[in-house]
Amino acid sequence: MVKYYEMTQPYVQQLLKGVVEPLLLFIINELPAHGYQIAKELDKRSQGYFEFRGSTIYSALRRLEHEGLVLSTWQQVTQKQKRRCYELTEKGRQILAERLSEWQQFYNATSKVVSY
């Protein structure tokens, strides 16, 4: 017998593809940080729902940097260890504002449909 969550997994994966980058922008806007810290913050705030693999996070961060939405700098953590830390650019803040507005409209429309 196929379990329910196994049937819905591809659907959830498709939904997640559209939210990874806006979620990263939101977290970085509030908390400029390194990739691992960003991933942990997403996991914590979503109570474990958004538990992305490191490869997903770092690929998305590279895309955001390539698009000019985030800027990364190397910061010395210990004498031998550096971490790449990310912060939003002005363009990133503008795109984040647009995405949040779009999400609010999407949420409102969806809520109207399901509560009709």
PDB file of N, CA and C in Angstrom:
ATOM      1  N   MET A   1       0.838  -1.178   0.000  1.00  0.00           N
ATOM      2  CA  MET A   1       0.000   0.000   0.000  1.00  0.00           C
ATOM      3  C   MET A   1       0.890   1.251   0.000  1.00  0.00           C
ATOM      4  N   VAL A   2       0.578   2.236  -0.834  1.00  0.00           N
ATOM      5  CA  VAL A   2       1.321   3.481  -0.902  1.00  0.00           C
ATOM      6  C   VAL A   2       0.769   4.423   0.160  1.00  0.00           C
ATOM      7  N   LYS A   3       1.659   4.983   0.945  1.00  0.00           N
ATOM      8  CA  LYS A   3       1.244   5.917   1.989  1.00  0.00           C
ATOM      9  C   LYS A   3       0.915   7.257   1.373  1.00  0.00           C
ATOM     10  N   TYR A   4       0.051   8.011   2.043  1.00  0.00           N
ATOM     11  CA  TYR A   4      -0.402   9.305   1.541  1.00  0.00           C
ATOM     12  C   TYR A   4       0.761  10.250   1.280  1.00  0.00           C
ATOM     13  N   TYR A   5       1.705  10.356   2.235  1.00  0.00           N
ATOM     14  CA  TYR A   5       2.790  11.304   2.054  1.00  0.00           C
ATOM     15  C   TYR A   5       3.682  10.929   0.879  1.00  0.00           C
ATOM     16  N   GLU A   6       3.751   9.639   0.529  1.00  0.00           N
ATOM     17  CA  GLU A   6       4.538   9.231  -0.631  1.00  0.00           C
ATOM     18  C   GLU A   6       3.865   9.678  -1.922  1.00  0.00           C
ATOM     19  N   MET A   7       2.529   9.690  -1.932  1.00  0.00           N
ATOM     20  CA  MET A   7       1.804  10.135  -3.125  1.00  0.00           C
ATOM     21  C   MET A   7       1.908  11.642  -3.292  1.00  0.00           C
ATOM     22  N   THR A   8       1.910  12.390  -2.196  1.00  0.00           N
ATOM     23  CA  THR A   8       1.917  13.843  -2.286  1.00  0.00           C
ATOM     24  C   THR A   8       3.316  14.417  -2.399  1.00  0.00           C
ATOM     25  N   GLN A   9       4.341  13.632  -2.168  1.00  0.00           N
ATOM     26  CA  GLN A   9       5.705  14.144  -2.170  1.00  0.00           C
ATOM     27  C   GLN A   9       6.065  14.889  -3.454  1.00  0.00           C
ATOM     28  N   PRO A  10       5.789  14.360  -4.661  1.00  0.00           N
ATOM     29  CA  PRO A  10       6.122  15.129  -5.874  1.00  0.00           C
ATOM     30  C   PRO A  10       5.387  16.475  -5.917  1.00  0.00           C
ATOM     31  N   TYR A  11       4.168  16.520  -5.444  1.00  0.00           N
ATOM     32  CA  TYR A  11       3.407  17.766  -5.419  1.00  0.00           C
ATOM     33  C   TYR A  11       4.073  18.771  -4.486  1.00  0.00           C
ATOM     34  N   VAL A  12       4.459  18.332  -3.299  1.00  0.00           N
ATOM     35  CA  VAL A  12       5.124  19.205  -2.339  1.00  0.00           C
ATOM     36  C   VAL A  12       6.458  19.680  -2.899  1.00  0.00           C
ATOM     37  N   GLN A  13       7.181  18.807  -3.559  1.00  0.00           N
ATOM     38  CA  GLN A  13       8.454  19.200  -4.157  1.00  0.00           C
ATOM     39  C   GLN A  13       8.259  20.300  -5.195  1.00  0.00           C
ATOM     40  N   GLN A  14       7.198  20.212  -5.980  1.00  0.00           N
ATOM     41  CA  GLN A  14       6.906  21.254  -6.960  1.00  0.00           C
ATOM     42  C   GLN A  14       6.579  22.576  -6.275  1.00  0.00           C
ATOM     43  N   LEU A  15       5.813  22.513  -5.191  1.00  0.00           N
ATOM     44  CA  LEU A  15       5.492  23.733  -4.443  1.00  0.00           C
ATOM     45  C   LEU A  15       6.757  24.369  -3.876  1.00  0.00           C
ATOM     46  N   LEU A  16       7.633  23.544  -3.342  1.00  0.00           N
ATOM     47  CA  LEU A  16       8.851  24.046  -2.719  1.00  0.00           C
ATOM     48  C   LEU A  16       9.773  24.739  -3.713  1.00  0.00           C
ATOM     49  N   LYS A  17       9.768  24.289  -4.955  1.00  0.00           N
ATOM     50  CA  LYS A  17      10.633  24.906  -5.969  1.00  0.00           C
ATOM     51  C   LYS A  17      10.334  26.396  -6.114  1.00  0.00           C
ATOM     52  N   GLY A  18       9.087  26.757  -5.948  1.00  0.00           N
ATOM     53  CA  GLY A  18       8.704  28.155  -6.110  1.00  0.00           C
ATOM     54  C   GLY A  18       8.912  29.015  -4.882  1.00  0.00           C
ATOM     55  N   VAL A  19       9.237  28.418  -3.748  1.00  0.00           N
ATOM     56  CA  VAL A  19       9.359  29.210  -2.531  1.00  0.00           C
ATOM     57  C   VAL A  19      10.769  29.285  -1.963  1.00  0.00           C
ATOM     58  N   VAL A  20      11.679  28.461  -2.442  1.00  0.00           N
ATOM     59  CA  VAL A  20      13.025  28.432  -1.861  1.00  0.00           C
ATOM     60  C   VAL A  20      13.671  29.818  -1.915  1.00  0.00           C
ATOM     61  N   GLU A  21      13.730  30.406  -3.082  1.00  0.00           N
ATOM     62  CA  GLU A  21      14.431  31.675  -3.216  1.00  0.00           C
ATOM     63  C   GLU A  21      13.751  32.817  -2.459  1.00  0.00           C
ATOM     64  N   PRO A  22      12.424  32.985  -2.543  1.00  0.00           N
ATOM     65  CA  PRO A  22      11.808  34.040  -1.726  1.00  0.00           C
ATOM     66  C   PRO A  22      12.020  33.831  -0.222  1.00  0.00           C
ATOM     67  N   LEU A  23      11.993  32.575   0.236  1.00  0.00           N
ATOM     68  CA  LEU A  23      12.241  32.322   1.652  1.00  0.00           C
ATOM     69  C   LEU A  23      13.666  32.710   2.036  1.00  0.00           C
ATOM     70  N   LEU A  24      14.618  32.385   1.172  1.00  0.00           N
ATOM     71  CA  LEU A  24      16.007  32.763   1.442  1.00  0.00           C
ATOM     72  C   LEU A  24      16.152  34.278   1.493  1.00  0.00           C
ATOM     73  N   LEU A  25      15.537  34.975   0.544  1.00  0.00           N
ATOM     74  CA  LEU A  25      15.595  36.438   0.551  1.00  0.00           C
ATOM     75  C   LEU A  25      15.019  36.999   1.844  1.00  0.00           C
ATOM     76  N   PHE A  26      13.918  36.446   2.283  1.00  0.00           N
ATOM     77  CA  PHE A  26      13.282  36.931   3.512  1.00  0.00           C
ATOM     78  C   PHE A  26      14.195  36.741   4.714  1.00  0.00           C
ATOM     79  N   ILE A  27      14.760  35.552   4.859  1.00  0.00           N
ATOM     80  CA  ILE A  27      15.636  35.270   5.993  1.00  0.00           C
ATOM     81  C   ILE A  27      16.887  36.145   5.933  1.00  0.00           C
ATOM     82  N   ILE A  28      17.502  36.258   4.766  1.00  0.00           N
ATOM     83  CA  ILE A  28      18.725  37.054   4.633  1.00  0.00           C
ATOM     84  C   ILE A  28      18.447  38.523   4.920  1.00  0.00           C
ATOM     85  N   ASN A  29      17.273  39.006   4.542  1.00  0.00           N
ATOM     86  CA  ASN A  29      16.909  40.392   4.817  1.00  0.00           C
ATOM     87  C   ASN A  29      16.894  40.654   6.321  1.00  0.00           C
ATOM     88  N   GLU A  30      16.388  39.708   7.078  1.00  0.00           N
ATOM     89  CA  GLU A  30      16.313  39.863   8.526  1.00  0.00           C
ATOM     90  C   GLU A  30      17.613  39.494   9.221  1.00  0.00           C
ATOM     91  N   LEU A  31      18.336  38.541   8.638  1.00  0.00           N
ATOM     92  CA  LEU A  31      19.472  37.947   9.333  1.00  0.00           C
ATOM     93  C   LEU A  31      20.592  37.629   8.343  1.00  0.00           C
ATOM     94  N   PRO A  32      21.371  38.632   7.925  1.00  0.00           N
ATOM     95  CA  PRO A  32      22.492  38.311   7.036  1.00  0.00           C
ATOM     96  C   PRO A  32      23.350  37.234   7.710  1.00  0.00           C
ATOM     97  N   ALA A  33      23.635  36.157   6.991  1.00  0.00           N
ATOM     98  CA  ALA A  33      24.289  35.015   7.619  1.00  0.00           C
ATOM     99  C   ALA A  33      24.911  34.108   6.567  1.00  0.00           C
ATOM    100  N   HIS A  34      25.552  33.064   7.034  1.00  0.00           N
ATOM    101  CA  HIS A  34      26.117  32.059   6.135  1.00  0.00           C
ATOM    102  C   HIS A  34      25.056  31.002   5.823  1.00  0.00           C
ATOM    103  N   GLY A  35      25.292  30.218   4.780  1.00  0.00           N
ATOM    104  CA  GLY A  35      24.301  29.278   4.271  1.00  0.00           C
ATOM    105  C   GLY A  35      23.763  28.305   5.304  1.00  0.00           C
ATOM    106  N   TYR A  36      24.638  27.720   6.104  1.00  0.00           N
ATOM    107  CA  TYR A  36      24.193  26.752   7.112  1.00  0.00           C
ATOM    108  C   TYR A  36      23.273  27.414   8.127  1.00  0.00           C
ATOM    109  N   GLN A  37      23.627  28.624   8.550  1.00  0.00           N
ATOM    110  CA  GLN A  37      22.798  29.350   9.513  1.00  0.00           C
ATOM    111  C   GLN A  37      21.436  29.699   8.912  1.00  0.00           C
ATOM    112  N   ILE A  38      21.417  30.060   7.641  1.00  0.00           N
ATOM    113  CA  ILE A  38      20.160  30.370   6.953  1.00  0.00           C
ATOM    114  C   ILE A  38      19.276  29.125   6.905  1.00  0.00           C
ATOM    115  N   ALA A  39      19.871  27.984   6.544  1.00  0.00           N
ATOM    116  CA  ALA A  39      19.121  26.730   6.488  1.00  0.00           C
ATOM    117  C   ALA A  39      18.539  26.369   7.846  1.00  0.00           C
ATOM    118  N   LYS A  40      19.326  26.538   8.900  1.00  0.00           N
ATOM    119  CA  LYS A  40      18.851  26.230  10.257  1.00  0.00           C
ATOM    120  C   LYS A  40      17.717  27.163  10.664  1.00  0.00           C
ATOM    121  N   GLU A  41      17.807  28.415  10.264  1.00  0.00           N
ATOM    122  CA  GLU A  41      16.753  29.376  10.600  1.00  0.00           C
ATOM    123  C   GLU A  41      15.451  29.025   9.877  1.00  0.00           C
ATOM    124  N   LEU A  42      15.542  28.615   8.616  1.00  0.00           N
ATOM    125  CA  LEU A  42      14.352  28.172   7.878  1.00  0.00           C
ATOM    126  C   LEU A  42      13.719  26.959   8.549  1.00  0.00           C
ATOM    127  N   ASP A  43      14.549  26.013   8.938  1.00  0.00           N
ATOM    128  CA  ASP A  43      14.078  24.810   9.614  1.00  0.00           C
ATOM    129  C   ASP A  43      13.391  25.171  10.925  1.00  0.00           C
ATOM    130  N   LYS A  44      14.020  26.042  11.697  1.00  0.00           N
ATOM    131  CA  LYS A  44      13.467  26.442  12.999  1.00  0.00           C
ATOM    132  C   LYS A  44      12.141  27.169  12.855  1.00  0.00           C
ATOM    133  N   ARG A  45      12.100  28.169  11.979  1.00  0.00           N
ATOM    134  CA  ARG A  45      10.881  28.975  11.829  1.00  0.00           C
ATOM    135  C   ARG A  45       9.717  28.165  11.260  1.00  0.00           C
ATOM    136  N   SER A  46      10.024  27.177  10.435  1.00  0.00           N
ATOM    137  CA  SER A  46       8.953  26.362   9.841  1.00  0.00           C
ATOM    138  C   SER A  46       8.655  25.119  10.683  1.00  0.00           C
ATOM    139  N   GLN A  47       9.277  25.027  11.835  1.00  0.00           N
ATOM    140  CA  GLN A  47       9.119  23.878  12.732  1.00  0.00           C
ATOM    141  C   GLN A  47       9.410  22.566  12.009  1.00  0.00           C
ATOM    142  N   GLY A  48      10.476  22.593  11.211  1.00  0.00           N
ATOM    143  CA  GLY A  48      10.946  21.398  10.530  1.00  0.00           C
ATOM    144  C   GLY A  48      10.353  21.145   9.161  1.00  0.00           C
ATOM    145  N   TYR A  49       9.385  21.926   8.735  1.00  0.00           N
ATOM    146  CA  TYR A  49       8.757  21.698   7.435  1.00  0.00           C
ATOM    147  C   TYR A  49       9.715  22.020   6.291  1.00  0.00           C
ATOM    148  N   PHE A  50      10.434  23.139   6.398  1.00  0.00           N
ATOM    149  CA  PHE A  50      11.386  23.527   5.365  1.00  0.00           C
ATOM    150  C   PHE A  50      12.778  23.081   5.783  1.00  0.00           C
ATOM    151  N   GLU A  51      13.036  21.809   5.597  1.00  0.00           N
ATOM    152  CA  GLU A  51      14.338  21.248   5.904  1.00  0.00           C
ATOM    153  C   GLU A  51      15.023  20.926   4.576  1.00  0.00           C
ATOM    154  N   PHE A  52      15.657  21.951   3.998  1.00  0.00           N
ATOM    155  CA  PHE A  52      16.276  21.814   2.695  1.00  0.00           C
ATOM    156  C   PHE A  52      17.675  21.220   2.813  1.00  0.00           C
ATOM    157  N   ARG A  53      18.073  20.474   1.791  1.00  0.00           N
ATOM    158  CA  ARG A  53      19.442  19.969   1.725  1.00  0.00           C
ATOM    159  C   ARG A  53      20.385  21.147   1.510  1.00  0.00           C
ATOM    160  N   GLY A  54      21.619  20.954   1.948  1.00  0.00           N
ATOM    161  CA  GLY A  54      22.624  21.994   1.740  1.00  0.00           C
ATOM    162  C   GLY A  54      22.794  22.344   0.278  1.00  0.00           C
ATOM    163  N   SER A  55      22.753  21.321  -0.582  1.00  0.00           N
ATOM    164  CA  SER A  55      22.925  21.576  -2.019  1.00  0.00           C
ATOM    165  C   SER A  55      21.816  22.476  -2.560  1.00  0.00           C
ATOM    166  N   THR A  56      20.609  22.316  -2.055  1.00  0.00           N
ATOM    167  CA  THR A  56      19.483  23.158  -2.485  1.00  0.00           C
ATOM    168  C   THR A  56      19.715  24.603  -2.057  1.00  0.00           C
ATOM    169  N   ILE A  57      20.125  24.771  -0.818  1.00  0.00           N
ATOM    170  CA  ILE A  57      20.358  26.115  -0.278  1.00  0.00           C
ATOM    171  C   ILE A  57      21.484  26.805  -1.041  1.00  0.00           C
ATOM    172  N   TYR A  58      22.616  26.117  -1.179  1.00  0.00           N
ATOM    173  CA  TYR A  58      23.776  26.755  -1.804  1.00  0.00           C
ATOM    174  C   TYR A  58      23.572  27.009  -3.296  1.00  0.00           C
ATOM    175  N   SER A  59      22.848  26.132  -3.975  1.00  0.00           N
ATOM    176  CA  SER A  59      22.533  26.380  -5.391  1.00  0.00           C
ATOM    177  C   SER A  59      21.663  27.620  -5.528  1.00  0.00           C
ATOM    178  N   ALA A  60      20.669  27.730  -4.663  1.00  0.00           N
ATOM    179  CA  ALA A  60      19.775  28.897  -4.704  1.00  0.00           C
ATOM    180  C   ALA A  60      20.537  30.167  -4.346  1.00  0.00           C
ATOM    181  N   LEU A  61      21.431  30.103  -3.366  1.00  0.00           N
ATOM    182  CA  LEU A  61      22.223  31.278  -2.997  1.00  0.00           C
ATOM    183  C   LEU A  61      23.111  31.725  -4.159  1.00  0.00           C
ATOM    184  N   ARG A  62      23.687  30.784  -4.874  1.00  0.00           N
ATOM    185  CA  ARG A  62      24.513  31.136  -6.044  1.00  0.00           C
ATOM    186  C   ARG A  62      23.660  31.803  -7.124  1.00  0.00           C
ATOM    187  N   ARG A  63      22.448  31.274  -7.342  1.00  0.00           N
ATOM    188  CA  ARG A  63      21.553  31.891  -8.341  1.00  0.00           C
ATOM    189  C   ARG A  63      21.196  33.314  -7.922  1.00  0.00           C
ATOM    190  N   LEU A  64      20.867  33.484  -6.645  1.00  0.00           N
ATOM    191  CA  LEU A  64      20.501  34.815  -6.147  1.00  0.00           C
ATOM    192  C   LEU A  64      21.673  35.787  -6.272  1.00  0.00           C
ATOM    193  N   GLU A  65      22.871  35.301  -6.026  1.00  0.00           N
ATOM    194  CA  GLU A  65      24.046  36.158  -6.154  1.00  0.00           C
ATOM    195  C   GLU A  65      24.286  36.500  -7.627  1.00  0.00           C
ATOM    196  N   HIS A  66      24.143  35.517  -8.496  1.00  0.00           N
ATOM    197  CA  HIS A  66      24.325  35.744  -9.932  1.00  0.00           C
ATOM    198  C   HIS A  66      23.325  36.780 -10.455  1.00  0.00           C
ATOM    199  N   GLU A  67      22.108  36.771  -9.904  1.00  0.00           N
ATOM    200  CA  GLU A  67      21.065  37.716 -10.313  1.00  0.00           C
ATOM    201  C   GLU A  67      21.228  39.086  -9.653  1.00  0.00           C
ATOM    202  N   GLY A  68      22.212  39.213  -8.773  1.00  0.00           N
ATOM    203  CA  GLY A  68      22.449  40.498  -8.120  1.00  0.00           C
ATOM    204  C   GLY A  68      21.518  40.777  -6.958  1.00  0.00           C
ATOM    205  N   LEU A  69      20.879  39.746  -6.422  1.00  0.00           N
ATOM    206  CA  LEU A  69      19.934  39.943  -5.327  1.00  0.00           C
ATOM    207  C   LEU A  69      20.583  39.806  -3.956  1.00  0.00           C
ATOM    208  N   VAL A  70      21.672  39.057  -3.896  1.00  0.00           N
ATOM    209  CA  VAL A  70      22.442  38.945  -2.656  1.00  0.00           C
ATOM    210  C   VAL A  70      23.914  39.172  -2.978  1.00  0.00           C
ATOM    211  N   LEU A  71      24.631  39.564  -1.960  1.00  0.00           N
ATOM    212  CA  LEU A  71      26.057  39.777  -2.052  1.00  0.00           C
ATOM    213  C   LEU A  71      26.706  38.885  -1.009  1.00  0.00           C
ATOM    214  N   SER A  72      27.783  38.220  -1.381  1.00  0.00           N
ATOM    215  CA  SER A  72      28.470  37.374  -0.409  1.00  0.00           C
ATOM    216  C   SER A  72      29.863  37.915  -0.124  1.00  0.00           C
ATOM    217  N   THR A  73      30.271  37.736   1.107  1.00  0.00           N
ATOM    218  CA  THR A  73      31.614  38.102   1.526  1.00  0.00           C
ATOM    219  C   THR A  73      32.143  36.991   2.423  1.00  0.00           C
ATOM    220  N   TRP A  74      33.455  36.827   2.398  1.00  0.00           N
ATOM    221  CA  TRP A  74      34.068  35.832   3.268  1.00  0.00           C
ATOM    222  C   TRP A  74      34.328  36.466   4.624  1.00  0.00           C
ATOM    223  N   GLN A  75      33.932  35.747   5.688  1.00  0.00           N
ATOM    224  CA  GLN A  75      34.184  36.222   7.040  1.00  0.00           C
ATOM    225  C   GLN A  75      34.982  35.170   7.800  1.00  0.00           C
ATOM    226  N   GLN A  76      35.959  35.630   8.530  1.00  0.00           N
ATOM    227  CA  GLN A  76      36.801  34.747   9.322  1.00  0.00           C
ATOM    228  C   GLN A  76      36.012  34.277  10.541  1.00  0.00           C
ATOM    229  N   VAL A  77      35.882  32.958  10.705  1.00  0.00           N
ATOM    230  CA  VAL A  77      35.155  32.393  11.837  1.00  0.00           C
ATOM    231  C   VAL A  77      36.140  32.008  12.937  1.00  0.00           C
ATOM    232  N   THR A  78      37.129  31.258  12.569  1.00  0.00           N
ATOM    233  CA  THR A  78      38.218  30.910  13.475  1.00  0.00           C
ATOM    234  C   THR A  78      39.507  31.243  12.743  1.00  0.00           C
ATOM    235  N   GLN A  79      40.607  30.969  13.369  1.00  0.00           N
ATOM    236  CA  GLN A  79      41.883  31.301  12.746  1.00  0.00           C
ATOM    237  C   GLN A  79      42.071  30.583  11.406  1.00  0.00           C
ATOM    238  N   LYS A  80      41.496  29.392  11.291  1.00  0.00           N
ATOM    239  CA  LYS A  80      41.672  28.596  10.072  1.00  0.00           C
ATOM    240  C   LYS A  80      40.409  28.475   9.222  1.00  0.00           C
ATOM    241  N   GLN A  81      39.298  28.978   9.712  1.00  0.00           N
ATOM    242  CA  GLN A  81      38.030  28.745   9.018  1.00  0.00           C
ATOM    243  C   GLN A  81      37.367  30.052   8.600  1.00  0.00           C
ATOM    244  N   LYS A  82      36.922  30.072   7.340  1.00  0.00           N
ATOM    245  CA  LYS A  82      36.150  31.196   6.805  1.00  0.00           C
ATOM    246  C   LYS A  82      34.791  30.683   6.367  1.00  0.00           C
ATOM    247  N   ARG A  83      33.810  31.572   6.394  1.00  0.00           N
ATOM    248  CA  ARG A  83      32.469  31.240   5.894  1.00  0.00           C
ATOM    249  C   ARG A  83      32.006  32.353   4.971  1.00  0.00           C
ATOM    250  N   ARG A  84      31.283  31.940   3.946  1.00  0.00           N
ATOM    251  CA  ARG A  84      30.704  32.910   3.016  1.00  0.00           C
ATOM    252  C   ARG A  84      29.383  33.380   3.611  1.00  0.00           C
ATOM    253  N   CYS A  85      29.287  34.683   3.874  1.00  0.00           N
ATOM    254  CA  CYS A  85      28.070  35.249   4.453  1.00  0.00           C
ATOM    255  C   CYS A  85      27.329  36.043   3.387  1.00  0.00           C
ATOM    256  N   TYR A  86      26.028  36.023   3.490  1.00  0.00           N
ATOM    257  CA  TYR A  86      25.162  36.620   2.471  1.00  0.00           C
ATOM    258  C   TYR A  86      24.353  37.763   3.056  1.00  0.00           C
ATOM    259  N   GLU A  87      24.186  38.809   2.256  1.00  0.00           N
ATOM    260  CA  GLU A  87      23.313  39.925   2.619  1.00  0.00           C
ATOM    261  C   GLU A  87      22.577  40.381   1.367  1.00  0.00           C
ATOM    262  N   LEU A  88      21.424  41.003   1.569  1.00  0.00           N
ATOM    263  CA  LEU A  88      20.626  41.464   0.435  1.00  0.00           C
ATOM    264  C   LEU A  88      21.213  42.732  -0.164  1.00  0.00           C
ATOM    265  N   THR A  89      21.094  42.833  -1.470  1.00  0.00           N
ATOM    266  CA  THR A  89      21.423  44.068  -2.166  1.00  0.00           C
ATOM    267  C   THR A  89      20.145  44.906  -2.227  1.00  0.00           C
ATOM    268  N   GLU A  90      20.265  46.118  -2.713  1.00  0.00           N
ATOM    269  CA  GLU A  90      19.077  46.956  -2.881  1.00  0.00           C
ATOM    270  C   GLU A  90      18.094  46.295  -3.850  1.00  0.00           C
ATOM    271  N   LYS A  91      18.629  45.731  -4.935  1.00  0.00           N
ATOM    272  CA  LYS A  91      17.785  45.015  -5.901  1.00  0.00           C
ATOM    273  C   LYS A  91      17.099  43.839  -5.217  1.00  0.00           C
ATOM    274  N   GLY A  92      17.806  43.141  -4.337  1.00  0.00           N
ATOM    275  CA  GLY A  92      17.228  42.021  -3.592  1.00  0.00           C
ATOM    276  C   GLY A  92      16.076  42.462  -2.713  1.00  0.00           C
ATOM    277  N   ARG A  93      16.225  43.633  -2.074  1.00  0.00           N
ATOM    278  CA  ARG A  93      15.131  44.153  -1.231  1.00  0.00           C
ATOM    279  C   ARG A  93      13.897  44.497  -2.076  1.00  0.00           C
ATOM    280  N   GLN A  94      14.136  45.055  -3.264  1.00  0.00           N
ATOM    281  CA  GLN A  94      13.019  45.389  -4.155  1.00  0.00           C
ATOM    282  C   GLN A  94      12.290  44.121  -4.610  1.00  0.00           C
ATOM    283  N   ILE A  95      13.053  43.116  -5.010  1.00  0.00           N
ATOM    284  CA  ILE A  95      12.454  41.853  -5.466  1.00  0.00           C
ATOM    285  C   ILE A  95      11.719  41.181  -4.314  1.00  0.00           C
ATOM    286  N   LEU A  96      12.297  41.209  -3.115  1.00  0.00           N
ATOM    287  CA  LEU A  96      11.637  40.624  -1.946  1.00  0.00           C
ATOM    288  C   LEU A  96      10.300  41.306  -1.701  1.00  0.00           C
ATOM    289  N   ALA A  97      10.256  42.614  -1.761  1.00  0.00           N
ATOM    290  CA  ALA A  97       9.001  43.345  -1.560  1.00  0.00           C
ATOM    291  C   ALA A  97       7.958  42.924  -2.598  1.00  0.00           C
ATOM    292  N   GLU A  98       8.395  42.774  -3.850  1.00  0.00           N
ATOM    293  CA  GLU A  98       7.477  42.329  -4.905  1.00  0.00           C
ATOM    294  C   GLU A  98       6.966  40.920  -4.625  1.00  0.00           C
ATOM    295  N   ARG A  99       7.869  40.021  -4.238  1.00  0.00           N
ATOM    296  CA  ARG A  99       7.484  38.627  -3.966  1.00  0.00           C
ATOM    297  C   ARG A  99       6.515  38.539  -2.787  1.00  0.00           C
ATOM    298  N   LEU A 100       6.770  39.318  -1.748  1.00  0.00           N
ATOM    299  CA  LEU A 100       5.873  39.294  -0.589  1.00  0.00           C
ATOM    300  C   LEU A 100       4.479  39.788  -0.972  1.00  0.00           C
ATOM    301  N   SER A 101       4.421  40.806  -1.815  1.00  0.00           N
ATOM    302  CA  SER A 101       3.132  41.307  -2.288  1.00  0.00           C
ATOM    303  C   SER A 101       2.410  40.250  -3.128  1.00  0.00           C
ATOM    304  N   GLU A 102       3.162  39.592  -4.006  1.00  0.00           N
ATOM    305  CA  GLU A 102       2.579  38.534  -4.838  1.00  0.00           C
ATOM    306  C   GLU A 102       2.075  37.378  -3.978  1.00  0.00           C
ATOM    307  N   TRP A 103       2.865  37.001  -2.950  1.00  0.00           N
ATOM    308  CA  TRP A 103       2.453  35.908  -2.067  1.00  0.00           C
ATOM    309  C   TRP A 103       1.197  36.281  -1.288  1.00  0.00           C
ATOM    310  N   GLN A 104       1.096  37.518  -0.847  1.00  0.00           N
ATOM    311  CA  GLN A 104      -0.100  37.945  -0.107  1.00  0.00           C
ATOM    312  C   GLN A 104      -1.331  37.861  -1.004  1.00  0.00           C
ATOM    313  N   GLN A 105      -1.201  38.300  -2.240  1.00  0.00           N
ATOM    314  CA  GLN A 105      -2.318  38.214  -3.181  1.00  0.00           C
ATOM    315  C   GLN A 105      -2.675  36.755  -3.451  1.00  0.00           C
ATOM    316  N   PHE A 106      -1.677  35.920  -3.651  1.00  0.00           N
ATOM    317  CA  PHE A 106      -1.894  34.497  -3.890  1.00  0.00           C
ATOM    318  C   PHE A 106      -2.589  33.847  -2.693  1.00  0.00           C
ATOM    319  N   TYR A 107      -2.096  34.133  -1.499  1.00  0.00           N
ATOM    320  CA  TYR A 107      -2.677  33.585  -0.271  1.00  0.00           C
ATOM    321  C   TYR A 107      -4.138  34.029  -0.114  1.00  0.00           C
ATOM    322  N   ASN A 108      -4.394  35.317  -0.336  1.00  0.00           N
ATOM    323  CA  ASN A 108      -5.759  35.817  -0.202  1.00  0.00           C
ATOM    324  C   ASN A 108      -6.701  35.144  -1.202  1.00  0.00           C
ATOM    325  N   ALA A 109      -6.279  35.025  -2.447  1.00  0.00           N
ATOM    326  CA  ALA A 109      -7.124  34.392  -3.465  1.00  0.00           C
ATOM    327  C   ALA A 109      -7.362  32.926  -3.141  1.00  0.00           C
ATOM    328  N   THR A 110      -6.316  32.225  -2.737  1.00  0.00           N
ATOM    329  CA  THR A 110      -6.457  30.815  -2.380  1.00  0.00           C
ATOM    330  C   THR A 110      -7.395  30.638  -1.203  1.00  0.00           C
ATOM    331  N   SER A 111      -7.238  31.479  -0.198  1.00  0.00           N
ATOM    332  CA  SER A 111      -8.101  31.398   0.980  1.00  0.00           C
ATOM    333  C   SER A 111      -9.561  31.625   0.632  1.00  0.00           C
ATOM    334  N   LYS A 112      -9.825  32.534  -0.281  1.00  0.00           N
ATOM    335  CA  LYS A 112     -11.202  32.776  -0.708  1.00  0.00           C
ATOM    336  C   LYS A 112     -11.793  31.547  -1.404  1.00  0.00           C
ATOM    337  N   VAL A 113     -10.982  30.883  -2.217  1.00  0.00           N
ATOM    338  CA  VAL A 113     -11.463  29.705  -2.922  1.00  0.00           C
ATOM    339  C   VAL A 113     -11.784  28.578  -1.966  1.00  0.00           C
ATOM    340  N   VAL A 114     -10.873  28.281  -1.052  1.00  0.00           N
ATOM    341  CA  VAL A 114     -11.073  27.125  -0.172  1.00  0.00           C
ATOM    342  C   VAL A 114     -12.050  27.389   0.959  1.00  0.00           C
ATOM    343  N   SER A 115     -12.366  28.647   1.241  1.00  0.00           N
ATOM    344  CA  SER A 115     -13.321  28.925   2.310  1.00  0.00           C
ATOM    345  C   SER A 115     -14.669  29.391   1.762  1.00  0.00           C
ATOM    346  N   TYR A 116     -14.876  29.244   0.467  1.00  0.00           N
ATOM    347  CA  TYR A 116     -16.094  29.707  -0.184  1.00  0.00           C
ATOM    348  C   TYR A 116     -17.304  28.951   0.304  1.00  0.00           C
TER     349      TYR A 116
END
